[in-house]
Each structure stands twice: as C-alpha cells, then as structure tokens.
Amino acid sequence: MQPTRLHVQVNPASALAEAFTEARIRGGLPGQVTMRFGQTPEALEEGLATAEALLLVGAAPLQDLPRRAPHLRWISYTSAGVEWLLRAGLPASVTLTNASGTHIPKAAEFALLSVLMLNNRMPHFATAQRAHRWAPQPAGTVAGKTALILGMGALGGAAARALAGQGMRLIGNSHSGRPHPDVAVMTRGEGFRAHLPETDFLLITLPLTPATDGLVGATVLDALPRHAGVVNLGRGEILDADALAERLRDGRLAGAVLDALPQEPLPPESPLWDTPNLVITPHCGLYDPDAYAPRCLDAFFANLARFQAGEPLHQVVDPARGY
C-alpha cells in the first residue's frame, strides 16, 4: 500500500494553534502516512499540490481546489462550525469532516451552568453590582422548569442530559424530530414556536445554515414569558442580539448568557457590553483546553485509519444541510 499523503495546515491566528503541534500530530499517526506540516500560505500551496488528506486547524483560503489540490479527497476540520468551508465551494469529490461531538463533556457542564446562572438571577446580580445596588431576587430550584433546546445534535443532546439530571422538563427541536431519551416533547421545523409561551429557558445549540440564520428574532423572543432566559451556545448569527438586548433593557426578558456573538471579537463600542442582565462569555464556554485537542486528534487518527482502509468516515458534513 502506498503511504497516504497528509498535509497539516495550522493557522497561527487560530485559538487552537498551540494545541495542534507538529510533534503531537506526528506522534499519533498510524503507519503508512507521509505528513507535511505548515503554517504559512506558501506551505499550504506546497502541501495541497500532493496531499490526499488535509487536516485543517483554523481558516485557510481553499478556493479553486481542483487546480491547487488535484489529489485531495478529504478535509478534516478541527472545529464543528463549517459554514465558511461550505461557502468556499469545495469539489464534490472532497469529503469534509468536522469535530462534531468533541465538545460534548464541556457542553453539558456549560449548558447546565448557564441555566443555573439564569435561574439564580446571576445576570441580574452582576448588573446590580456594577450599579452599586442592593437588589435581592431569591429563586427556587430548576427542578420542574421547562427548557426548550433548539438543535438536538451533539451539543443539544449533551445539554439535554445535563438538564434532565436536574429534574427539568425538556422540549427539543431538530431537523428530523427524532426522539431523544431525555426530551419529553420533540418538535421539528417551526413546531417549536407553539411551545415558546411555556418555556423558562431557551437554549440555542444549532449550527449556522441558511435555515437557521436569524431564526431567533423579535417574534420568537416576544413569544417567551417575561421571566424567561436565553442561552446561545450555537452561532451568533442565529440570534438577533439587538432585539434581545432591547428586551433585556426594558424587562421583557429576564436574562441571557451568550457564548456566541454576532461579531467576534465583539467590538469595544458594541452596546451589548453594557446591556443589563446579560452575561457574555467570549466563545470559550465549550472549549476545554486540556482535553479538546487530544479528543479531536483521536477522532482524526481513527478516521485516517478508515480513510486508508477505504471505509466510510465518521463526522461527515452534509453540504446540503450545512452540518
């Protein structure tokens, strides 16, 4: 068997760059692989010229691949969100895989943390503290309260398991409407809208696709009860952050936790920074710096063995769905 020609391209500007070192990747490769490692545009061009497989850390220009990468059959991306890759117009002959599922343990914890913060009025207390106001707002437990999870993939499933463990009632929504063991009511498509008035916590764990872009806007937010809280663990473009901020300012919603923002990094002049009852975590809530790269590489190495054996790959992105 001829060695598989692998190119690893690491964007130095990526938050993951330091975790995906050449030594760490080489140390886990199976046999019969020749690997090139690069961090510059020049290295990318040289690697693409011969590569059959591309391991990509961070963004890179990937237009015109049939000419630049005539042998390429597989791109493995080390993050879950692939919308920018799909916009690059990848050839149909190239299979794209992502890191879906790698966030699961941390996603479960952070989803639970976010809901507990909202339930215990932590965004309210943070706002009152900045204003030097003593403003008690006691709260009960989350048991028996209702969370609506938009997106029941890896992130949504992890959130569902964590919240169900606290005795919460869960409503799910997904493209397929497939049942989930921790979800009491599963909806699909627009079916979630009928359940907004009974929702205490709305969690967004969706990928960004044409169908989800702007999905949670003013109409959705206005259907929530005034005591409701919103959590966005998906993509910033899915939620109308300006509409959310307006409702947090005038009390039409109680609080929010945003790990995904409409612009990242969020500019210093953004009014979101000073929005009351809002907690912002700068897109790091689901990232475990000690475990993410090892889990991601374990999945990649297993896929690489499948690739060499001609077997179906795992974590394959469906371009038609966008995830």
Protein backbone atom coordinates (compact mmCIF):
# COMPACT_ATOMS: atom_id res chain seq x y z
CA MET A 1 0.00 0.00 0.00
CA GLN A 2 1.30 3.44 -0.92
CA PRO A 3 1.66 5.85 2.02
CA THR A 4 -1.22 8.30 2.45
CA ARG A 5 -0.07 11.84 1.70
CA LEU A 6 -1.27 14.09 4.52
CA HIS A 7 -0.84 17.83 4.81
CA VAL A 8 -1.49 19.57 8.13
CA GLN A 9 -2.17 23.31 7.89
CA VAL A 10 -2.29 25.30 11.14
CA ASN A 11 -3.36 28.93 11.06
CA PRO A 12 -1.18 30.68 13.70
CA ALA A 13 -4.05 33.09 14.43
CA SER A 14 -6.35 30.25 15.46
CA ALA A 15 -7.11 29.85 19.17
CA LEU A 16 -6.35 26.15 18.66
CA ALA A 17 -2.92 26.65 17.07
CA GLU A 18 -0.82 26.00 20.17
CA ALA A 19 -2.66 22.75 20.92
CA PHE A 20 -2.11 21.19 17.48
CA THR A 21 1.67 20.94 17.33
CA GLU A 22 3.62 19.05 14.72
CA ALA A 23 5.10 16.73 17.34
CA ARG A 24 1.72 15.87 18.84
CA ILE A 25 0.26 15.04 15.43
CA ARG A 26 3.23 13.03 14.21
CA GLY A 27 3.27 11.06 17.44
CA GLY A 28 -0.20 9.67 16.86
CA LEU A 29 -0.13 8.90 13.16
CA PRO A 30 -0.76 5.30 12.07
CA GLY A 31 1.67 3.62 9.72
CA GLN A 32 1.92 4.33 6.01
CA VAL A 33 1.49 8.10 6.20
CA THR A 34 3.76 10.82 4.88
CA MET A 35 2.99 14.13 6.54
CA ARG A 36 3.80 17.73 5.71
CA PHE A 37 3.17 20.43 8.30
CA GLY A 38 2.76 24.11 7.52
CA GLN A 39 1.68 27.44 8.96
CA THR A 40 2.24 29.80 6.02
CA PRO A 41 0.43 30.40 2.72
CA GLU A 42 3.47 29.05 0.89
CA ALA A 43 3.41 25.83 2.92
CA LEU A 44 -0.28 25.42 2.16
CA GLU A 45 0.30 25.66 -1.59
CA GLU A 46 3.16 23.17 -1.45
CA GLY A 47 1.15 20.75 0.67
CA LEU A 48 -2.02 20.95 -1.44
CA ALA A 49 -0.09 20.07 -4.58
CA THR A 50 0.36 16.47 -3.43
CA ALA A 51 -1.99 15.93 -0.47
CA GLU A 52 -4.71 13.29 -0.44
CA ALA A 53 -5.89 14.38 3.01
CA LEU A 54 -5.81 17.79 4.68
CA LEU A 55 -6.01 18.34 8.43
CA LEU A 56 -7.01 21.96 8.89
CA VAL A 57 -6.65 24.00 12.09
CA GLY A 58 -8.22 27.44 11.69
CA ALA A 59 -9.18 29.20 8.49
CA ALA A 60 -7.30 28.97 5.19
CA PRO A 61 -8.02 30.02 1.59
CA LEU A 62 -9.41 26.91 -0.11
CA GLN A 63 -10.88 28.24 -3.32
CA ASP A 64 -10.07 26.59 -6.66
CA LEU A 65 -9.07 23.26 -5.10
CA PRO A 66 -9.38 21.15 -8.27
CA ARG A 67 -6.42 23.07 -9.69
CA ARG A 68 -4.46 23.59 -6.47
CA ALA A 69 -5.09 20.15 -4.93
CA PRO A 70 -5.65 17.63 -7.73
CA HIS A 71 -5.22 14.59 -5.46
CA LEU A 72 -7.22 15.82 -2.46
CA ARG A 73 -10.08 13.56 -1.31
CA TRP A 74 -10.65 14.50 2.33
CA ILE A 75 -10.54 17.62 4.51
CA SER A 76 -10.69 17.16 8.29
CA TYR A 77 -11.51 20.41 10.10
CA THR A 78 -10.75 20.67 13.81
CA SER A 79 -13.83 22.74 14.70
CA ALA A 80 -17.54 22.00 14.48
CA GLY A 81 -18.69 25.07 12.52
CA VAL A 82 -18.01 24.64 8.80
CA GLU A 83 -20.14 27.37 7.21
CA TRP A 84 -17.12 29.21 5.82
CA LEU A 85 -15.76 25.98 4.31
CA LEU A 86 -19.05 25.28 2.56
CA ARG A 87 -19.00 28.80 1.12
CA ALA A 88 -15.57 28.07 -0.36
CA GLY A 89 -17.18 25.78 -2.93
CA LEU A 90 -15.41 22.50 -2.16
CA PRO A 91 -15.41 19.97 -5.01
CA ALA A 92 -17.96 17.16 -4.72
CA SER A 93 -15.07 14.69 -4.82
CA VAL A 94 -13.73 16.01 -1.48
CA THR A 95 -15.29 14.67 1.73
CA LEU A 96 -15.46 17.17 4.59
CA THR A 97 -15.43 16.05 8.22
CA ASN A 98 -15.52 18.23 11.31
CA ALA A 99 -15.06 17.97 15.08
CA SER A 100 -18.73 17.44 15.89
CA GLY A 101 -19.09 15.82 19.30
CA THR A 102 -15.68 16.83 20.60
CA HIS A 103 -17.27 19.48 22.83
CA ILE A 104 -19.77 17.12 24.47
CA PRO A 105 -18.40 16.89 28.05
CA LYS A 106 -17.80 20.63 28.40
CA ALA A 107 -21.04 21.49 26.59
CA ALA A 108 -23.03 19.54 29.16
CA GLU A 109 -21.40 21.42 32.03
CA PHE A 110 -21.64 24.84 30.43
CA ALA A 111 -25.27 24.44 29.40
CA LEU A 112 -26.13 23.49 32.97
CA LEU A 113 -24.03 26.37 34.34
CA SER A 114 -25.80 28.84 32.06
CA VAL A 115 -29.28 27.69 33.04
CA LEU A 116 -28.37 27.70 36.73
CA MET A 117 -26.97 31.23 36.41
CA LEU A 118 -30.19 32.42 34.80
CA ASN A 119 -32.38 30.59 37.29
CA ASN A 120 -30.46 32.08 40.22
CA ARG A 121 -30.57 35.60 38.72
CA MET A 122 -26.78 35.91 38.31
CA PRO A 123 -27.03 38.28 35.31
CA HIS A 124 -29.35 40.49 37.41
CA PHE A 125 -26.92 40.47 40.34
CA ALA A 126 -23.96 41.28 38.08
CA THR A 127 -25.88 44.25 36.67
CA ALA A 128 -26.87 45.44 40.16
CA GLN A 129 -23.30 45.07 41.42
CA ARG A 130 -21.92 47.30 38.67
CA ALA A 131 -24.52 49.91 39.64
CA HIS A 132 -23.76 49.52 43.39
CA ARG A 133 -27.37 48.46 44.00
CA TRP A 134 -28.57 46.03 46.67
CA ALA A 135 -31.29 44.18 44.74
CA PRO A 136 -32.27 40.79 46.19
CA GLN A 137 -34.12 38.39 43.88
CA PRO A 138 -34.46 34.96 45.53
CA ALA A 139 -35.16 31.96 43.30
CA GLY A 140 -36.17 28.33 43.63
CA THR A 141 -34.53 25.31 42.03
CA VAL A 142 -34.69 24.41 38.34
CA ALA A 143 -36.47 21.12 39.00
CA GLY A 144 -39.76 21.04 37.15
CA LYS A 145 -38.97 24.06 34.98
CA THR A 146 -39.00 23.84 31.18
CA ALA A 147 -36.08 24.27 28.80
CA LEU A 148 -36.58 24.42 25.04
CA ILE A 149 -33.48 23.28 23.15
CA LEU A 150 -33.19 24.38 19.51
CA GLY A 151 -30.87 21.86 17.89
CA MET A 152 -30.60 18.30 19.16
CA GLY A 153 -27.23 17.36 17.72
CA ALA A 154 -24.15 16.71 19.84
CA LEU A 155 -24.40 19.99 21.77
CA GLY A 156 -28.16 19.87 22.27
CA GLY A 157 -28.04 16.23 23.33
CA ALA A 158 -25.33 16.99 25.88
CA ALA A 159 -27.37 19.90 27.24
CA ALA A 160 -30.48 17.72 27.44
CA ARG A 161 -28.75 15.05 29.50
CA ALA A 162 -27.31 17.59 31.93
CA LEU A 163 -30.59 19.48 32.41
CA ALA A 164 -32.69 16.33 32.71
CA GLY A 165 -30.41 15.27 35.54
CA GLN A 166 -31.64 18.30 37.47
CA GLY A 167 -35.26 17.28 37.09
CA MET A 168 -36.09 19.72 34.33
CA ARG A 169 -38.75 19.18 31.66
CA LEU A 170 -37.24 19.35 28.18
CA ILE A 171 -38.69 20.27 24.81
CA GLY A 172 -36.45 19.60 21.83
CA ASN A 173 -36.38 20.73 18.24
CA SER A 174 -34.42 19.27 15.35
CA HIS A 175 -34.48 18.88 11.60
CA SER A 176 -35.59 15.26 11.87
CA GLY A 177 -37.73 15.41 15.01
CA ARG A 178 -36.13 12.13 16.08
CA PRO A 179 -36.98 11.23 19.72
CA HIS A 180 -34.36 11.72 22.44
CA PRO A 181 -34.46 9.79 25.72
CA ASP A 182 -34.17 12.92 27.87
CA VAL A 183 -36.69 15.01 25.95
CA ALA A 184 -40.37 14.96 26.92
CA VAL A 185 -41.64 16.68 23.77
CA MET A 186 -39.77 16.63 20.45
CA THR A 187 -40.67 19.05 17.68
CA ARG A 188 -39.34 19.66 14.19
CA GLY A 189 -39.18 22.66 11.91
CA GLU A 190 -41.40 25.52 13.08
CA GLY A 191 -43.10 23.30 15.64
CA PHE A 192 -41.07 24.77 18.50
CA ARG A 193 -42.95 28.08 18.25
CA ALA A 194 -46.08 26.62 19.84
CA HIS A 195 -44.08 25.86 23.00
CA LEU A 196 -42.42 29.25 23.48
CA PRO A 197 -45.05 30.55 25.97
CA GLU A 198 -44.30 27.64 28.33
CA THR A 199 -40.51 27.98 28.08
CA ASP A 200 -38.47 29.09 31.10
CA PHE A 201 -35.11 28.76 29.35
CA LEU A 202 -34.44 28.86 25.60
CA LEU A 203 -31.16 27.20 24.58
CA ILE A 204 -29.74 27.67 21.07
CA THR A 205 -27.39 24.84 20.08
CA LEU A 206 -27.90 24.97 16.31
CA PRO A 207 -25.33 25.08 13.52
CA LEU A 208 -25.42 28.08 11.22
CA THR A 209 -27.22 27.27 7.96
CA PRO A 210 -29.44 29.28 5.61
CA ALA A 211 -32.43 27.86 7.52
CA THR A 212 -31.13 28.88 10.97
CA ASP A 213 -29.63 32.27 10.11
CA GLY A 214 -31.73 34.83 12.02
CA LEU A 215 -34.13 32.15 13.27
CA VAL A 216 -34.42 33.58 16.79
CA GLY A 217 -35.62 37.10 16.17
CA ALA A 218 -38.10 39.51 17.72
CA THR A 219 -41.13 37.30 17.02
CA VAL A 220 -39.60 34.32 18.82
CA LEU A 221 -38.35 36.42 21.74
CA ASP A 222 -41.72 38.11 22.19
CA ALA A 223 -43.44 34.74 22.49
CA LEU A 224 -41.37 33.88 25.58
CA PRO A 225 -42.69 34.73 29.06
CA ARG A 226 -41.14 37.74 30.81
CA HIS A 227 -39.31 35.56 33.33
CA ALA A 228 -37.57 33.53 30.59
CA GLY A 229 -33.83 33.39 29.97
CA VAL A 230 -31.95 32.83 26.70
CA VAL A 231 -28.69 30.92 26.16
CA ASN A 232 -26.82 30.89 22.84
CA LEU A 233 -24.20 28.16 22.50
CA GLY A 234 -24.56 27.87 18.71
CA ARG A 235 -23.66 30.66 16.31
CA GLY A 236 -24.12 34.39 16.85
CA GLU A 237 -25.97 34.92 13.57
CA ILE A 238 -28.83 32.66 14.67
CA LEU A 239 -29.98 35.13 17.35
CA ASP A 240 -30.97 38.76 16.79
CA ALA A 241 -28.77 40.15 19.55
CA ASP A 242 -30.09 43.70 19.14
CA ALA A 243 -33.67 42.50 19.64
CA LEU A 244 -32.55 40.51 22.67
CA ALA A 245 -30.74 43.50 24.17
CA GLU A 246 -33.81 45.69 23.73
CA ARG A 247 -35.94 43.18 25.64
CA LEU A 248 -33.37 42.81 28.40
CA ARG A 249 -33.21 46.58 28.82
CA ASP A 250 -36.97 47.05 29.16
CA GLY A 251 -37.65 43.92 31.21
CA ARG A 252 -39.50 41.87 28.59
CA LEU A 253 -36.96 39.09 29.25
CA ALA A 254 -35.18 38.29 32.50
CA GLY A 255 -31.66 37.42 31.41
CA ALA A 256 -29.32 35.88 28.86
CA VAL A 257 -25.98 34.11 28.51
CA LEU A 258 -24.26 34.50 25.14
CA ASP A 259 -21.23 32.40 24.25
CA ALA A 260 -21.76 33.15 20.54
CA LEU A 261 -21.91 36.76 19.39
CA PRO A 262 -22.95 38.45 16.13
CA GLN A 263 -19.40 39.70 15.65
CA GLU A 264 -16.32 38.07 17.12
CA PRO A 265 -14.32 39.51 18.72
CA LEU A 266 -17.14 41.78 19.91
CA PRO A 267 -16.02 45.40 19.26
CA PRO A 268 -15.41 47.56 22.34
CA GLU A 269 -18.08 50.01 21.16
CA SER A 270 -20.81 47.35 20.99
CA PRO A 271 -23.79 48.22 23.22
CA LEU A 272 -24.03 44.54 24.16
CA TRP A 273 -21.20 45.04 26.67
CA ASP A 274 -23.43 47.31 28.76
CA THR A 275 -26.72 45.52 28.27
CA PRO A 276 -28.32 44.77 31.66
CA ASN A 277 -28.94 41.20 32.76
CA LEU A 278 -26.60 39.83 30.09
CA VAL A 279 -23.55 37.61 30.67
CA ILE A 280 -21.07 37.41 27.76
CA THR A 281 -18.51 34.62 27.53
CA PRO A 282 -16.25 35.24 24.52
CA HIS A 283 -16.88 31.99 22.60
CA CYS A 284 -14.86 29.90 25.02
CA GLY A 285 -17.57 28.32 27.15
CA LEU A 286 -17.45 24.96 25.35
CA TYR A 287 -13.67 24.77 24.95
CA ASP A 288 -11.66 22.51 27.24
CA PRO A 289 -8.01 23.50 26.65
CA ASP A 290 -6.64 20.28 28.17
CA ALA A 291 -8.94 17.75 26.52
CA TYR A 292 -10.10 19.25 23.22
CA ALA A 293 -7.03 18.63 21.07
CA PRO A 294 -6.43 15.05 22.31
CA ARG A 295 -10.08 14.12 21.72
CA CYS A 296 -10.09 15.81 18.33
CA LEU A 297 -6.88 14.07 17.24
CA ASP A 298 -8.05 10.68 18.49
CA ALA A 299 -11.10 11.06 16.24
CA PHE A 300 -8.92 12.20 13.35
CA PHE A 301 -6.49 9.28 13.69
CA ALA A 302 -9.42 6.84 13.76
CA ASN A 303 -10.83 8.47 10.63
CA LEU A 304 -7.42 8.35 8.99
CA ALA A 305 -7.32 4.59 9.51
CA ARG A 306 -10.79 4.34 7.93
CA PHE A 307 -9.65 6.52 5.04
CA GLN A 308 -6.70 4.23 4.38
CA ALA A 309 -8.92 1.16 4.56
CA GLY A 310 -11.50 2.64 2.19
CA GLU A 311 -14.17 2.61 4.91
CA PRO A 312 -16.83 5.31 5.50
CA LEU A 313 -15.59 8.24 7.57
CA HIS A 314 -17.23 9.48 10.75
CA GLN A 315 -18.25 13.12 11.44
CA VAL A 316 -19.01 13.68 7.74
CA VAL A 317 -20.61 17.04 6.90
CA ASP A 318 -23.64 17.01 4.60
CA PRO A 319 -23.25 20.08 2.34
CA ALA A 320 -27.00 20.12 1.64
CA ARG A 321 -27.79 20.52 5.34
CA GLY A 322 -24.75 22.63 6.21
CA TYR A 323 -23.57 20.45 9.10
